[in-house]
Amino acid sequence: MIGDGSAIKAALLTKMGITKERFIATVAITALAINTIKAAAYTKYSILTMQEIPLTIVLIGAALSGTFIARNTITKIDSAVFTKMMKVVIVIIGLKLLIF
């Protein structure tokens, strides 16, 4: 939940009370959209060059792997526990923003 507004989305989605599956799906699809736009802009302005392509491919693979792992793991976590976990993560991110 870094770099694409996911902390803010997580806070909003947690307050909305949507299911954990929709939560994960919403965060994943919005992150994909935002990061695709970022990649296009970075490429256009030569911030993302051919030298970074191998690392970019590895990172895309890691993101997709994480998404599939989360999708399979989420079914094993109770909704109330998931909501509490998200609230803890949001607090930790908020504290990190205040401290650093």
C-alpha atoms as a PDB file:
ATOM      1  CA  MET A   1       0.000   0.000   0.000  1.00  0.00           C
ATOM      2  CA  ILE A   2       2.632   2.506  -1.063  1.00  0.00           C
ATOM      3  CA  GLY A   3       3.022   5.092  -3.781  1.00  0.00           C
ATOM      4  CA  ASP A   4      -0.385   5.072  -5.413  1.00  0.00           C
ATOM      5  CA  GLY A   5      -2.672   6.430  -2.741  1.00  0.00           C
ATOM      6  CA  SER A   6      -3.551   3.003  -1.399  1.00  0.00           C
ATOM      7  CA  ALA A   7      -3.437   4.158   2.216  1.00  0.00           C
ATOM      8  CA  ILE A   8      -6.107   6.736   1.497  1.00  0.00           C
ATOM      9  CA  LYS A   9      -8.113   4.215  -0.519  1.00  0.00           C
ATOM     10  CA  ALA A  10      -7.786   1.685   2.303  1.00  0.00           C
ATOM     11  CA  ALA A  11      -9.106   4.173   4.847  1.00  0.00           C
ATOM     12  CA  LEU A  12     -12.045   5.049   2.612  1.00  0.00           C
ATOM     13  CA  LEU A  13     -12.856   1.456   1.684  1.00  0.00           C
ATOM     14  CA  THR A  14     -12.595   0.329   5.311  1.00  0.00           C
ATOM     15  CA  LYS A  15     -15.106   3.014   6.289  1.00  0.00           C
ATOM     16  CA  MET A  16     -17.440   1.993   3.446  1.00  0.00           C
ATOM     17  CA  GLY A  17     -17.706  -1.500   4.896  1.00  0.00           C
ATOM     18  CA  ILE A  18     -17.298  -3.374   1.606  1.00  0.00           C
ATOM     19  CA  THR A  19     -16.396  -7.052   1.589  1.00  0.00           C
ATOM     20  CA  LYS A  20     -12.745  -7.988   1.891  1.00  0.00           C
ATOM     21  CA  GLU A  21     -12.796  -9.461  -1.615  1.00  0.00           C
ATOM     22  CA  ARG A  22     -14.099  -6.224  -3.109  1.00  0.00           C
ATOM     23  CA  PHE A  23     -11.603  -4.312  -1.000  1.00  0.00           C
ATOM     24  CA  ILE A  24      -8.666  -6.244  -2.494  1.00  0.00           C
ATOM     25  CA  ALA A  25     -10.112  -6.053  -6.008  1.00  0.00           C
ATOM     26  CA  THR A  26     -10.711  -2.301  -5.777  1.00  0.00           C
ATOM     27  CA  VAL A  27      -7.223  -1.574  -4.468  1.00  0.00           C
ATOM     28  CA  ALA A  28      -5.661  -3.828  -7.123  1.00  0.00           C
ATOM     29  CA  ILE A  29      -7.547  -2.391 -10.109  1.00  0.00           C
ATOM     30  CA  THR A  30      -7.037   1.229  -9.084  1.00  0.00           C
ATOM     31  CA  ALA A  31      -3.336   0.599  -8.445  1.00  0.00           C
ATOM     32  CA  LEU A  32      -3.056  -1.004 -11.887  1.00  0.00           C
ATOM     33  CA  ALA A  33      -4.706   1.998 -13.525  1.00  0.00           C
ATOM     34  CA  ILE A  34      -2.629   4.564 -11.645  1.00  0.00           C
ATOM     35  CA  ASN A  35       0.644   2.727 -12.184  1.00  0.00           C
ATOM     36  CA  THR A  36      -0.058   2.215 -15.890  1.00  0.00           C
ATOM     37  CA  ILE A  37      -0.566   5.956 -16.274  1.00  0.00           C
ATOM     38  CA  LYS A  38       2.602   6.629 -14.264  1.00  0.00           C
ATOM     39  CA  ALA A  39       4.617   4.223 -16.415  1.00  0.00           C
ATOM     40  CA  ALA A  40       3.391   5.924 -19.593  1.00  0.00           C
ATOM     41  CA  ALA A  41       4.294   9.349 -18.241  1.00  0.00           C
ATOM     42  CA  TYR A  42       7.688   8.151 -16.983  1.00  0.00           C
ATOM     43  CA  THR A  43       8.417   6.642 -20.378  1.00  0.00           C
ATOM     44  CA  LYS A  44       7.305   9.760 -22.255  1.00  0.00           C
ATOM     45  CA  TYR A  45       9.578  11.985 -20.172  1.00  0.00           C
ATOM     46  CA  SER A  46      12.500   9.513 -20.265  1.00  0.00           C
ATOM     47  CA  ILE A  47      12.357   8.765 -16.558  1.00  0.00           C
ATOM     48  CA  LEU A  48      11.665   5.110 -17.305  1.00  0.00           C
ATOM     49  CA  THR A  49      14.254   4.013 -19.850  1.00  0.00           C
ATOM     50  CA  MET A  50      15.241   0.728 -21.440  1.00  0.00           C
ATOM     51  CA  GLN A  51      17.706   0.185 -18.585  1.00  0.00           C
ATOM     52  CA  GLU A  52      14.846  -0.082 -16.099  1.00  0.00           C
ATOM     53  CA  ILE A  53      12.733  -2.468 -18.184  1.00  0.00           C
ATOM     54  CA  PRO A  54      14.148  -5.710 -16.676  1.00  0.00           C
ATOM     55  CA  LEU A  55      13.526  -4.461 -13.132  1.00  0.00           C
ATOM     56  CA  THR A  56      10.082  -3.208 -14.149  1.00  0.00           C
ATOM     57  CA  ILE A  57       9.184  -6.667 -15.476  1.00  0.00           C
ATOM     58  CA  VAL A  58      10.352  -8.284 -12.232  1.00  0.00           C
ATOM     59  CA  LEU A  59       8.319  -5.799 -10.184  1.00  0.00           C
ATOM     60  CA  ILE A  60       5.205  -6.372 -12.296  1.00  0.00           C
ATOM     61  CA  GLY A  61       5.632 -10.104 -11.739  1.00  0.00           C
ATOM     62  CA  ALA A  62       5.993  -9.547  -7.994  1.00  0.00           C
ATOM     63  CA  ALA A  63       2.863  -7.370  -7.933  1.00  0.00           C
ATOM     64  CA  LEU A  64       0.836  -9.954  -9.840  1.00  0.00           C
ATOM     65  CA  SER A  65       2.130 -12.752  -7.590  1.00  0.00           C
ATOM     66  CA  GLY A  66       1.187 -10.748  -4.515  1.00  0.00           C
ATOM     67  CA  THR A  67      -2.282 -10.155  -5.897  1.00  0.00           C
ATOM     68  CA  PHE A  68      -2.863 -13.864  -6.559  1.00  0.00           C
ATOM     69  CA  ILE A  69      -1.477 -14.825  -3.139  1.00  0.00           C
ATOM     70  CA  ALA A  70      -3.746 -12.253  -1.475  1.00  0.00           C
ATOM     71  CA  ARG A  71      -6.741 -13.476  -3.450  1.00  0.00           C
ATOM     72  CA  ASN A  72      -6.158 -17.047  -2.259  1.00  0.00           C
ATOM     73  CA  THR A  73      -5.275 -16.072   1.311  1.00  0.00           C
ATOM     74  CA  ILE A  74      -8.155 -13.667   1.826  1.00  0.00           C
ATOM     75  CA  THR A  75     -10.705 -16.481   1.880  1.00  0.00           C
ATOM     76  CA  LYS A  76      -9.037 -17.881   4.999  1.00  0.00           C
ATOM     77  CA  ILE A  77      -9.268 -14.632   6.995  1.00  0.00           C
ATOM     78  CA  ASP A  78     -12.417 -13.663   8.873  1.00  0.00           C
ATOM     79  CA  SER A  79     -13.916 -10.347   7.704  1.00  0.00           C
ATOM     80  CA  ALA A  80     -13.724  -8.781  11.170  1.00  0.00           C
ATOM     81  CA  VAL A  81     -10.050  -9.764  11.493  1.00  0.00           C
ATOM     82  CA  PHE A  82      -9.349  -8.375   8.015  1.00  0.00           C
ATOM     83  CA  THR A  83     -10.959  -5.038   8.905  1.00  0.00           C
ATOM     84  CA  LYS A  84      -8.917  -4.819  12.118  1.00  0.00           C
ATOM     85  CA  MET A  85      -5.736  -5.656  10.189  1.00  0.00           C
ATOM     86  CA  MET A  86      -6.457  -2.898   7.680  1.00  0.00           C
ATOM     87  CA  LYS A  87      -7.067  -0.388  10.468  1.00  0.00           C
ATOM     88  CA  VAL A  88      -3.734  -1.306  12.068  1.00  0.00           C
ATOM     89  CA  VAL A  89      -1.929  -0.916   8.729  1.00  0.00           C
ATOM     90  CA  ILE A  90      -3.575   2.476   8.176  1.00  0.00           C
ATOM     91  CA  VAL A  91      -2.496   3.666  11.638  1.00  0.00           C
ATOM     92  CA  ILE A  92       1.072   2.460  11.048  1.00  0.00           C
ATOM     93  CA  ILE A  93       1.231   4.253   7.683  1.00  0.00           C
ATOM     94  CA  GLY A  94      -0.199   7.401   9.266  1.00  0.00           C
ATOM     95  CA  LEU A  95       2.390   7.297  12.052  1.00  0.00           C
ATOM     96  CA  LYS A  96       5.158   6.741   9.536  1.00  0.00           C
ATOM     97  CA  LEU A  97       4.020   9.813   7.612  1.00  0.00           C
ATOM     98  CA  LEU A  98       4.032  11.879  10.795  1.00  0.00           C
ATOM     99  CA  ILE A  99       7.428  10.657  11.996  1.00  0.00           C
ATOM    100  CA  PHE A 100       9.399  10.550   8.755  1.00  0.00           C
END
